[in-house]
Amino acid sequence: MSWIILVVSGLLEAVWATALGKSEGFSRLYPSVVFAVALVASMAGLAFAMRDLPIGTAYAVWVGIGATVTVVYAMVSGDEAVSMIRIMCILAIVGGVVGLKLAS
């Protein structure tokens, strides 16, 4: 159960990171509200998962999921360029997250 909550929390990290960028320095209401709600939910989920999972592993997986989903979303939406080196780097992050899961 902790792993499922950790994955959902990692996805919520991508939501709040994207909303933060779209809030334009908290000058836009809707993205600012999405940021705040997703941030609280993401942190609460991370805290819950850390009750059962090693702190280093949980944090690294949470950040890895959030960073990967954020970059992929930005590339798909056209906000960031797509290149082979960027894709390979994302795959390296995913490989590290999977490795941490298998090692714990």
PDB file of N, CA and C in Angstrom:
ATOM      1  N   MET A   1       0.818  -1.192   0.000  1.00  0.00           N
ATOM      2  CA  MET A   1       0.000   0.000   0.000  1.00  0.00           C
ATOM      3  C   MET A   1       0.864   1.259   0.000  1.00  0.00           C
ATOM      4  N   SER A   2       1.972   1.228   0.729  1.00  0.00           N
ATOM      5  CA  SER A   2       2.853   2.397   0.789  1.00  0.00           C
ATOM      6  C   SER A   2       3.432   2.732  -0.578  1.00  0.00           C
ATOM      7  N   TRP A   3       3.745   1.695  -1.362  1.00  0.00           N
ATOM      8  CA  TRP A   3       4.294   1.953  -2.697  1.00  0.00           C
ATOM      9  C   TRP A   3       3.258   2.622  -3.592  1.00  0.00           C
ATOM     10  N   ILE A   4       2.022   2.203  -3.507  1.00  0.00           N
ATOM     11  CA  ILE A   4       0.965   2.815  -4.326  1.00  0.00           C
ATOM     12  C   ILE A   4       0.801   4.286  -3.946  1.00  0.00           C
ATOM     13  N   ILE A   5       0.758   4.552  -2.665  1.00  0.00           N
ATOM     14  CA  ILE A   5       0.619   5.934  -2.199  1.00  0.00           C
ATOM     15  C   ILE A   5       1.836   6.756  -2.619  1.00  0.00           C
ATOM     16  N   LEU A   6       3.015   6.161  -2.573  1.00  0.00           N
ATOM     17  CA  LEU A   6       4.218   6.876  -2.990  1.00  0.00           C
ATOM     18  C   LEU A   6       4.160   7.225  -4.474  1.00  0.00           C
ATOM     19  N   VAL A   7       3.714   6.313  -5.300  1.00  0.00           N
ATOM     20  CA  VAL A   7       3.599   6.582  -6.741  1.00  0.00           C
ATOM     21  C   VAL A   7       2.584   7.694  -6.995  1.00  0.00           C
ATOM     22  N   VAL A   8       1.434   7.626  -6.349  1.00  0.00           N
ATOM     23  CA  VAL A   8       0.424   8.683  -6.505  1.00  0.00           C
ATOM     24  C   VAL A   8       0.988  10.017  -6.024  1.00  0.00           C
ATOM     25  N   SER A   9       1.730  10.009  -4.940  1.00  0.00           N
ATOM     26  CA  SER A   9       2.343  11.239  -4.428  1.00  0.00           C
ATOM     27  C   SER A   9       3.373  11.791  -5.411  1.00  0.00           C
ATOM     28  N   GLY A  10       4.112  10.908  -6.062  1.00  0.00           N
ATOM     29  CA  GLY A  10       5.058  11.336  -7.090  1.00  0.00           C
ATOM     30  C   GLY A  10       4.354  11.973  -8.273  1.00  0.00           C
ATOM     31  N   LEU A  11       3.212  11.410  -8.652  1.00  0.00           N
ATOM     32  CA  LEU A  11       2.418  12.005  -9.733  1.00  0.00           C
ATOM     33  C   LEU A  11       1.893  13.377  -9.317  1.00  0.00           C
ATOM     34  N   LEU A  12       1.487  13.485  -8.062  1.00  0.00           N
ATOM     35  CA  LEU A  12       1.014  14.777  -7.558  1.00  0.00           C
ATOM     36  C   LEU A  12       2.155  15.796  -7.494  1.00  0.00           C
ATOM     37  N   GLU A  13       3.381  15.329  -7.309  1.00  0.00           N
ATOM     38  CA  GLU A  13       4.517  16.246  -7.358  1.00  0.00           C
ATOM     39  C   GLU A  13       4.619  16.868  -8.742  1.00  0.00           C
ATOM     40  N   ALA A  14       4.416  16.057  -9.770  1.00  0.00           N
ATOM     41  CA  ALA A  14       4.435  16.593 -11.138  1.00  0.00           C
ATOM     42  C   ALA A  14       3.311  17.600 -11.346  1.00  0.00           C
ATOM     43  N   VAL A  15       2.160  17.338 -10.740  1.00  0.00           N
ATOM     44  CA  VAL A  15       1.029  18.268 -10.857  1.00  0.00           C
ATOM     45  C   VAL A  15       1.383  19.605 -10.218  1.00  0.00           C
ATOM     46  N   TRP A  16       1.919  19.571  -8.988  1.00  0.00           N
ATOM     47  CA  TRP A  16       2.201  20.853  -8.340  1.00  0.00           C
ATOM     48  C   TRP A  16       3.359  21.576  -8.998  1.00  0.00           C
ATOM     49  N   ALA A  17       4.339  20.855  -9.501  1.00  0.00           N
ATOM     50  CA  ALA A  17       5.458  21.515 -10.182  1.00  0.00           C
ATOM     51  C   ALA A  17       4.983  22.203 -11.461  1.00  0.00           C
ATOM     52  N   THR A  18       4.140  21.528 -12.210  1.00  0.00           N
ATOM     53  CA  THR A  18       3.596  22.117 -13.433  1.00  0.00           C
ATOM     54  C   THR A  18       2.699  23.302 -13.110  1.00  0.00           C
ATOM     55  N   ALA A  19       1.848  23.157 -12.105  1.00  0.00           N
ATOM     56  CA  ALA A  19       0.956  24.252 -11.719  1.00  0.00           C
ATOM     57  C   ALA A  19       1.752  25.452 -11.219  1.00  0.00           C
ATOM     58  N   LEU A  20       2.858  25.195 -10.522  1.00  0.00           N
ATOM     59  CA  LEU A  20       3.700  26.290 -10.042  1.00  0.00           C
ATOM     60  C   LEU A  20       4.229  27.111 -11.216  1.00  0.00           C
ATOM     61  N   GLY A  21       4.684  26.423 -12.246  1.00  0.00           N
ATOM     62  CA  GLY A  21       5.165  27.126 -13.431  1.00  0.00           C
ATOM     63  C   GLY A  21       4.067  27.925 -14.120  1.00  0.00           C
ATOM     64  N   LYS A  22       2.882  27.354 -14.172  1.00  0.00           N
ATOM     65  CA  LYS A  22       1.759  28.016 -14.839  1.00  0.00           C
ATOM     66  C   LYS A  22       1.126  29.117 -13.993  1.00  0.00           C
ATOM     67  N   SER A  23       1.461  29.168 -12.702  1.00  0.00           N
ATOM     68  CA  SER A  23       0.879  30.189 -11.826  1.00  0.00           C
ATOM     69  C   SER A  23       1.487  31.568 -12.065  1.00  0.00           C
ATOM     70  N   GLU A  24       2.617  31.604 -12.788  1.00  0.00           N
ATOM     71  CA  GLU A  24       3.315  32.859 -13.092  1.00  0.00           C
ATOM     72  C   GLU A  24       3.566  33.665 -11.814  1.00  0.00           C
ATOM     73  N   GLY A  25       4.267  33.030 -10.887  1.00  0.00           N
ATOM     74  CA  GLY A  25       4.599  33.697  -9.625  1.00  0.00           C
ATOM     75  C   GLY A  25       3.393  33.927  -8.736  1.00  0.00           C
ATOM     76  N   PHE A  26       2.467  32.976  -8.747  1.00  0.00           N
ATOM     77  CA  PHE A  26       1.225  33.024  -7.962  1.00  0.00           C
ATOM     78  C   PHE A  26       0.323  34.190  -8.369  1.00  0.00           C
ATOM     79  N   SER A  27       0.460  34.657  -9.593  1.00  0.00           N
ATOM     80  CA  SER A  27      -0.402  35.746 -10.063  1.00  0.00           C
ATOM     81  C   SER A  27      -1.672  35.230 -10.746  1.00  0.00           C
ATOM     82  N   ARG A  28      -1.746  33.939 -11.004  1.00  0.00           N
ATOM     83  CA  ARG A  28      -2.938  33.336 -11.610  1.00  0.00           C
ATOM     84  C   ARG A  28      -3.582  32.429 -10.572  1.00  0.00           C
ATOM     85  N   LEU A  29      -4.873  32.642 -10.324  1.00  0.00           N
ATOM     86  CA  LEU A  29      -5.568  31.973  -9.220  1.00  0.00           C
ATOM     87  C   LEU A  29      -5.655  30.457  -9.397  1.00  0.00           C
ATOM     88  N   TYR A  30      -6.222  29.983 -10.514  1.00  0.00           N
ATOM     89  CA  TYR A  30      -6.465  28.549 -10.681  1.00  0.00           C
ATOM     90  C   TYR A  30      -5.187  27.716 -10.556  1.00  0.00           C
ATOM     91  N   PRO A  31      -4.120  28.039 -11.293  1.00  0.00           N
ATOM     92  CA  PRO A  31      -2.899  27.237 -11.111  1.00  0.00           C
ATOM     93  C   PRO A  31      -2.324  27.336  -9.696  1.00  0.00           C
ATOM     94  N   SER A  32      -2.503  28.486  -9.046  1.00  0.00           N
ATOM     95  CA  SER A  32      -2.002  28.647  -7.673  1.00  0.00           C
ATOM     96  C   SER A  32      -2.755  27.744  -6.704  1.00  0.00           C
ATOM     97  N   VAL A  33      -4.069  27.620  -6.885  1.00  0.00           N
ATOM     98  CA  VAL A  33      -4.875  26.739  -6.034  1.00  0.00           C
ATOM     99  C   VAL A  33      -4.520  25.281  -6.302  1.00  0.00           C
ATOM    100  N   VAL A  34      -4.372  24.914  -7.583  1.00  0.00           N
ATOM    101  CA  VAL A  34      -3.975  23.538  -7.931  1.00  0.00           C
ATOM    102  C   VAL A  34      -2.617  23.226  -7.307  1.00  0.00           C
ATOM    103  N   PHE A  35      -1.693  24.168  -7.383  1.00  0.00           N
ATOM    104  CA  PHE A  35      -0.375  23.995  -6.769  1.00  0.00           C
ATOM    105  C   PHE A  35      -0.504  23.681  -5.279  1.00  0.00           C
ATOM    106  N   ALA A  36      -1.262  24.511  -4.556  1.00  0.00           N
ATOM    107  CA  ALA A  36      -1.364  24.361  -3.099  1.00  0.00           C
ATOM    108  C   ALA A  36      -1.995  23.028  -2.708  1.00  0.00           C
ATOM    109  N   VAL A  37      -3.072  22.649  -3.380  1.00  0.00           N
ATOM    110  CA  VAL A  37      -3.768  21.397  -3.051  1.00  0.00           C
ATOM    111  C   VAL A  37      -2.882  20.193  -3.381  1.00  0.00           C
ATOM    112  N   ALA A  38      -2.272  20.213  -4.568  1.00  0.00           N
ATOM    113  CA  ALA A  38      -1.421  19.089  -4.966  1.00  0.00           C
ATOM    114  C   ALA A  38      -0.182  18.990  -4.084  1.00  0.00           C
ATOM    115  N   LEU A  39       0.365  20.134  -3.679  1.00  0.00           N
ATOM    116  CA  LEU A  39       1.549  20.132  -2.803  1.00  0.00           C
ATOM    117  C   LEU A  39       1.237  19.474  -1.465  1.00  0.00           C
ATOM    118  N   VAL A  40       0.145  19.874  -0.847  1.00  0.00           N
ATOM    119  CA  VAL A  40      -0.226  19.306   0.456  1.00  0.00           C
ATOM    120  C   VAL A  40      -0.501  17.807   0.331  1.00  0.00           C
ATOM    121  N   ALA A  41      -1.254  17.425  -0.702  1.00  0.00           N
ATOM    122  CA  ALA A  41      -1.577  16.003  -0.890  1.00  0.00           C
ATOM    123  C   ALA A  41      -0.317  15.188  -1.181  1.00  0.00           C
ATOM    124  N   SER A  42       0.577  15.736  -1.997  1.00  0.00           N
ATOM    125  CA  SER A  42       1.813  15.037  -2.336  1.00  0.00           C
ATOM    126  C   SER A  42       2.699  14.842  -1.107  1.00  0.00           C
ATOM    127  N   MET A  43       2.852  15.884  -0.321  1.00  0.00           N
ATOM    128  CA  MET A  43       3.671  15.781   0.894  1.00  0.00           C
ATOM    129  C   MET A  43       3.058  14.832   1.915  1.00  0.00           C
ATOM    130  N   ALA A  44       1.738  14.877   2.048  1.00  0.00           N
ATOM    131  CA  ALA A  44       1.067  13.973   2.989  1.00  0.00           C
ATOM    132  C   ALA A  44       1.265  12.520   2.564  1.00  0.00           C
ATOM    133  N   GLY A  45       1.147  12.259   1.276  1.00  0.00           N
ATOM    134  CA  GLY A  45       1.359  10.903   0.775  1.00  0.00           C
ATOM    135  C   GLY A  45       2.793  10.444   0.982  1.00  0.00           C
ATOM    136  N   LEU A  46       3.741  11.332   0.722  1.00  0.00           N
ATOM    137  CA  LEU A  46       5.152  11.000   0.944  1.00  0.00           C
ATOM    138  C   LEU A  46       5.396  10.681   2.416  1.00  0.00           C
ATOM    139  N   ALA A  47       4.848  11.506   3.290  1.00  0.00           N
ATOM    140  CA  ALA A  47       5.015  11.273   4.731  1.00  0.00           C
ATOM    141  C   ALA A  47       4.413   9.931   5.144  1.00  0.00           C
ATOM    142  N   PHE A  48       3.252   9.607   4.608  1.00  0.00           N
ATOM    143  CA  PHE A  48       2.608   8.329   4.919  1.00  0.00           C
ATOM    144  C   PHE A  48       3.476   7.163   4.439  1.00  0.00           C
ATOM    145  N   ALA A  49       3.978   7.262   3.204  1.00  0.00           N
ATOM    146  CA  ALA A  49       4.786   6.176   2.645  1.00  0.00           C
ATOM    147  C   ALA A  49       6.079   5.989   3.429  1.00  0.00           C
ATOM    148  N   MET A  50       6.629   7.085   3.959  1.00  0.00           N
ATOM    149  CA  MET A  50       7.885   6.995   4.713  1.00  0.00           C
ATOM    150  C   MET A  50       7.725   6.287   6.054  1.00  0.00           C
ATOM    151  N   ARG A  51       6.491   6.036   6.474  1.00  0.00           N
ATOM    152  CA  ARG A  51       6.300   5.260   7.703  1.00  0.00           C
ATOM    153  C   ARG A  51       6.739   3.823   7.511  1.00  0.00           C
ATOM    154  N   ASP A  52       6.623   3.305   6.276  1.00  0.00           N
ATOM    155  CA  ASP A  52       6.960   1.904   5.994  1.00  0.00           C
ATOM    156  C   ASP A  52       8.194   1.729   5.119  1.00  0.00           C
ATOM    157  N   LEU A  53       8.556   2.751   4.357  1.00  0.00           N
ATOM    158  CA  LEU A  53       9.660   2.633   3.405  1.00  0.00           C
ATOM    159  C   LEU A  53      10.869   3.412   3.910  1.00  0.00           C
ATOM    160  N   PRO A  54      12.070   2.975   3.519  1.00  0.00           N
ATOM    161  CA  PRO A  54      13.266   3.730   3.901  1.00  0.00           C
ATOM    162  C   PRO A  54      13.183   5.167   3.365  1.00  0.00           C
ATOM    163  N   ILE A  55      13.588   6.121   4.153  1.00  0.00           N
ATOM    164  CA  ILE A  55      13.446   7.536   3.798  1.00  0.00           C
ATOM    165  C   ILE A  55      14.164   7.856   2.486  1.00  0.00           C
ATOM    166  N   GLY A  56      15.400   7.430   2.351  1.00  0.00           N
ATOM    167  CA  GLY A  56      16.164   7.729   1.141  1.00  0.00           C
ATOM    168  C   GLY A  56      15.524   7.158  -0.106  1.00  0.00           C
ATOM    169  N   THR A  57      15.091   5.919  -0.024  1.00  0.00           N
ATOM    170  CA  THR A  57      14.444   5.276  -1.167  1.00  0.00           C
ATOM    171  C   THR A  57      13.130   5.963  -1.505  1.00  0.00           C
ATOM    172  N   ALA A  58      12.310   6.214  -0.493  1.00  0.00           N
ATOM    173  CA  ALA A  58      11.006   6.844  -0.733  1.00  0.00           C
ATOM    174  C   ALA A  58      11.177   8.220  -1.364  1.00  0.00           C
ATOM    175  N   TYR A  59      12.100   9.005  -0.830  1.00  0.00           N
ATOM    176  CA  TYR A  59      12.300  10.350  -1.356  1.00  0.00           C
ATOM    177  C   TYR A  59      12.823  10.308  -2.789  1.00  0.00           C
ATOM    178  N   ALA A  60      13.796   9.437  -3.052  1.00  0.00           N
ATOM    179  CA  ALA A  60      14.362   9.334  -4.399  1.00  0.00           C
ATOM    180  C   ALA A  60      13.318   8.880  -5.409  1.00  0.00           C
ATOM    181  N   VAL A  61      12.479   7.935  -5.035  1.00  0.00           N
ATOM    182  CA  VAL A  61      11.424   7.462  -5.937  1.00  0.00           C
ATOM    183  C   VAL A  61      10.410   8.578  -6.176  1.00  0.00           C
ATOM    184  N   TRP A  62      10.030   9.276  -5.119  1.00  0.00           N
ATOM    185  CA  TRP A  62       9.067  10.381  -5.221  1.00  0.00           C
ATOM    186  C   TRP A  62       9.585  11.465  -6.166  1.00  0.00           C
ATOM    187  N   VAL A  63      10.828  11.873  -5.962  1.00  0.00           N
ATOM    188  CA  VAL A  63      11.422  12.906  -6.816  1.00  0.00           C
ATOM    189  C   VAL A  63      11.580  12.396  -8.249  1.00  0.00           C
ATOM    190  N   GLY A  64      12.011  11.154  -8.392  1.00  0.00           N
ATOM    191  CA  GLY A  64      12.198  10.586  -9.732  1.00  0.00           C
ATOM    192  C   GLY A  64      10.907  10.551 -10.531  1.00  0.00           C
ATOM    193  N   ILE A  65       9.832  10.107  -9.885  1.00  0.00           N
ATOM    194  CA  ILE A  65       8.537  10.074 -10.563  1.00  0.00           C
ATOM    195  C   ILE A  65       8.100  11.493 -10.920  1.00  0.00           C
ATOM    196  N   GLY A  66       8.184  12.389  -9.954  1.00  0.00           N
ATOM    197  CA  GLY A  66       7.762  13.766 -10.195  1.00  0.00           C
ATOM    198  C   GLY A  66       8.559  14.428 -11.300  1.00  0.00           C
ATOM    199  N   ALA A  67       9.871  14.288 -11.275  1.00  0.00           N
ATOM    200  CA  ALA A  67      10.720  14.905 -12.292  1.00  0.00           C
ATOM    201  C   ALA A  67      10.455  14.312 -13.668  1.00  0.00           C
ATOM    202  N   THR A  68      10.350  12.996 -13.736  1.00  0.00           N
ATOM    203  CA  THR A  68      10.122  12.335 -15.016  1.00  0.00           C
ATOM    204  C   THR A  68       8.792  12.750 -15.625  1.00  0.00           C
ATOM    205  N   VAL A  69       7.742  12.690 -14.852  1.00  0.00           N
ATOM    206  CA  VAL A  69       6.412  13.033 -15.381  1.00  0.00           C
ATOM    207  C   VAL A  69       6.353  14.513 -15.760  1.00  0.00           C
ATOM    208  N   THR A  70       6.989  15.373 -14.972  1.00  0.00           N
ATOM    209  CA  THR A  70       6.992  16.801 -15.280  1.00  0.00           C
ATOM    210  C   THR A  70       7.683  17.066 -16.615  1.00  0.00           C
ATOM    211  N   VAL A  71       8.853  16.474 -16.834  1.00  0.00           N
ATOM    212  CA  VAL A  71       9.590  16.688 -18.074  1.00  0.00           C
ATOM    213  C   VAL A  71       8.848  16.082 -19.262  1.00  0.00           C
ATOM    214  N   VAL A  72       8.308  14.883 -19.102  1.00  0.00           N
ATOM    215  CA  VAL A  72       7.574  14.252 -20.206  1.00  0.00           C
ATOM    216  C   VAL A  72       6.351  15.095 -20.575  1.00  0.00           C
ATOM    217  N   TYR A  73       5.625  15.577 -19.573  1.00  0.00           N
ATOM    218  CA  TYR A  73       4.467  16.433 -19.844  1.00  0.00           C
ATOM    219  C   TYR A  73       4.893  17.695 -20.604  1.00  0.00           C
ATOM    220  N   ALA A  74       5.979  18.312 -20.165  1.00  0.00           N
ATOM    221  CA  ALA A  74       6.456  19.536 -20.823  1.00  0.00           C
ATOM    222  C   ALA A  74       6.875  19.259 -22.265  1.00  0.00           C
ATOM    223  N   MET A  75       7.470  18.105 -22.513  1.00  0.00           N
ATOM    224  CA  MET A  75       7.869  17.773 -23.883  1.00  0.00           C
ATOM    225  C   MET A  75       6.644  17.472 -24.747  1.00  0.00           C
ATOM    226  N   VAL A  76       5.686  16.733 -24.202  1.00  0.00           N
ATOM    227  CA  VAL A  76       4.479  16.395 -24.963  1.00  0.00           C
ATOM    228  C   VAL A  76       3.655  17.647 -25.263  1.00  0.00           C
ATOM    229  N   SER A  77       3.595  18.574 -24.312  1.00  0.00           N
ATOM    230  CA  SER A  77       2.801  19.788 -24.502  1.00  0.00           C
ATOM    231  C   SER A  77       3.523  20.830 -25.360  1.00  0.00           C
ATOM    232  N   GLY A  78       4.791  20.584 -25.667  1.00  0.00           N
ATOM    233  CA  GLY A  78       5.540  21.507 -26.500  1.00  0.00           C
ATOM    234  C   GLY A  78       6.252  22.605 -25.738  1.00  0.00           C
ATOM    235  N   ASP A  79       6.205  22.567 -24.413  1.00  0.00           N
ATOM    236  CA  ASP A  79       6.874  23.592 -23.608  1.00  0.00           C
ATOM    237  C   ASP A  79       8.389  23.388 -23.537  1.00  0.00           C
ATOM    238  N   GLU A  80       8.838  22.161 -23.793  1.00  0.00           N
ATOM    239  CA  GLU A  80      10.265  21.860 -23.791  1.00  0.00           C
ATOM    240  C   GLU A  80      10.600  21.044 -25.034  1.00  0.00           C
ATOM    241  N   ALA A  81      11.823  21.203 -25.489  1.00  0.00           N
ATOM    242  CA  ALA A  81      12.271  20.498 -26.689  1.00  0.00           C
ATOM    243  C   ALA A  81      12.426  19.001 -26.415  1.00  0.00           C
ATOM    244  N   VAL A  82      12.228  18.225 -27.457  1.00  0.00           N
ATOM    245  CA  VAL A  82      12.432  16.776 -27.388  1.00  0.00           C
ATOM    246  C   VAL A  82      13.729  16.463 -28.129  1.00  0.00           C
ATOM    247  N   SER A  83      14.591  15.693 -27.472  1.00  0.00           N
ATOM    248  CA  SER A  83      15.822  15.253 -28.133  1.00  0.00           C
ATOM    249  C   SER A  83      16.166  13.855 -27.622  1.00  0.00           C
ATOM    250  N   MET A  84      16.996  13.187 -28.356  1.00  0.00           N
ATOM    251  CA  MET A  84      17.384  11.831 -27.970  1.00  0.00           C
ATOM    252  C   MET A  84      18.131  11.836 -26.631  1.00  0.00           C
ATOM    253  N   ILE A  85      18.981  12.814 -26.410  1.00  0.00           N
ATOM    254  CA  ILE A  85      19.735  12.857 -25.147  1.00  0.00           C
ATOM    255  C   ILE A  85      18.792  13.085 -23.964  1.00  0.00           C
ATOM    256  N   ARG A  86      17.775  13.930 -24.140  1.00  0.00           N
ATOM    257  CA  ARG A  86      16.804  14.162 -23.067  1.00  0.00           C
ATOM    258  C   ARG A  86      16.027  12.886 -22.767  1.00  0.00           C
ATOM    259  N   ILE A  87      15.622  12.185 -23.799  1.00  0.00           N
ATOM    260  CA  ILE A  87      14.893  10.920 -23.623  1.00  0.00           C
ATOM    261  C   ILE A  87      15.773   9.901 -22.912  1.00  0.00           C
ATOM    262  N   MET A  88      17.038   9.827 -23.287  1.00  0.00           N
ATOM    263  CA  MET A  88      17.951   8.882 -22.633  1.00  0.00           C
ATOM    264  C   MET A  88      18.145   9.236 -21.163  1.00  0.00           C
ATOM    265  N   CYS A  89      18.215  10.517 -20.856  1.00  0.00           N
ATOM    266  CA  CYS A  89      18.363  10.941 -19.455  1.00  0.00           C
ATOM    267  C   CYS A  89      17.114  10.599 -18.638  1.00  0.00           C
ATOM    268  N   ILE A  90      15.944  10.785 -19.233  1.00  0.00           N
ATOM    269  CA  ILE A  90      14.697  10.410 -18.555  1.00  0.00           C
ATOM    270  C   ILE A  90      14.670   8.908 -18.297  1.00  0.00           C
ATOM    271  N   LEU A  91      15.100   8.134 -19.285  1.00  0.00           N
ATOM    272  CA  LEU A  91      15.147   6.682 -19.098  1.00  0.00           C
ATOM    273  C   LEU A  91      16.136   6.293 -17.996  1.00  0.00           C
ATOM    274  N   ALA A  92      17.213   7.056 -17.849  1.00  0.00           N
ATOM    275  CA  ALA A  92      18.163   6.792 -16.761  1.00  0.00           C
ATOM    276  C   ALA A  92      17.504   7.034 -15.401  1.00  0.00           C
ATOM    277  N   ILE A  93      16.693   8.096 -15.303  1.00  0.00           N
ATOM    278  CA  ILE A  93      15.974   8.363 -14.055  1.00  0.00           C
ATOM    279  C   ILE A  93      15.003   7.223 -13.761  1.00  0.00           C
ATOM    280  N   VAL A  94      14.258   6.811 -14.774  1.00  0.00           N
ATOM    281  CA  VAL A  94      13.296   5.713 -14.607  1.00  0.00           C
ATOM    282  C   VAL A  94      14.021   4.439 -14.196  1.00  0.00           C
ATOM    283  N   GLY A  95      15.147   4.155 -14.817  1.00  0.00           N
ATOM    284  CA  GLY A  95      15.929   2.975 -14.449  1.00  0.00           C
ATOM    285  C   GLY A  95      16.409   3.018 -13.000  1.00  0.00           C
ATOM    286  N   GLY A  96      16.804   4.208 -12.560  1.00  0.00           N
ATOM    287  CA  GLY A  96      17.229   4.358 -11.160  1.00  0.00           C
ATOM    288  C   GLY A  96      16.083   4.145 -10.191  1.00  0.00           C
ATOM    289  N   VAL A  97      14.896   4.658 -10.529  1.00  0.00           N
ATOM    290  CA  VAL A  97      13.731   4.481  -9.667  1.00  0.00           C
ATOM    291  C   VAL A  97      13.348   3.004  -9.585  1.00  0.00           C
ATOM    292  N   VAL A  98      13.339   2.331 -10.735  1.00  0.00           N
ATOM    293  CA  VAL A  98      13.020   0.903 -10.753  1.00  0.00           C
ATOM    294  C   VAL A  98      14.077   0.131  -9.955  1.00  0.00           C
ATOM    295  N   GLY A  99      15.331   0.498 -10.117  1.00  0.00           N
ATOM    296  CA  GLY A  99      16.394  -0.163  -9.356  1.00  0.00           C
ATOM    297  C   GLY A  99      16.221   0.005  -7.856  1.00  0.00           C
ATOM    298  N   LEU A 100      15.839   1.197  -7.425  1.00  0.00           N
ATOM    299  CA  LEU A 100      15.601   1.407  -5.987  1.00  0.00           C
ATOM    300  C   LEU A 100      14.444   0.549  -5.486  1.00  0.00           C
ATOM    301  N   LYS A 101      13.416   0.440  -6.295  1.00  0.00           N
ATOM    302  CA  LYS A 101      12.258  -0.391  -5.901  1.00  0.00           C
ATOM    303  C   LYS A 101      12.682  -1.846  -5.778  1.00  0.00           C
ATOM    304  N   LEU A 102      13.445  -2.334  -6.746  1.00  0.00           N
ATOM    305  CA  LEU A 102      13.867  -3.735  -6.719  1.00  0.00           C
ATOM    306  C   LEU A 102      14.848  -4.012  -5.593  1.00  0.00           C
ATOM    307  N   ALA A 103      15.621  -3.011  -5.208  1.00  0.00           N
ATOM    308  CA  ALA A 103      16.624  -3.203  -4.157  1.00  0.00           C
ATOM    309  C   ALA A 103      16.046  -3.134  -2.759  1.00  0.00           C
ATOM    310  N   SER A 104      14.790  -2.661  -2.626  1.00  0.00           N
ATOM    311  CA  SER A 104      14.261  -2.524  -1.256  1.00  0.00           C
ATOM    312  C   SER A 104      13.344  -3.651  -0.884  1.00  0.00           C
TER     313      SER A 104
END
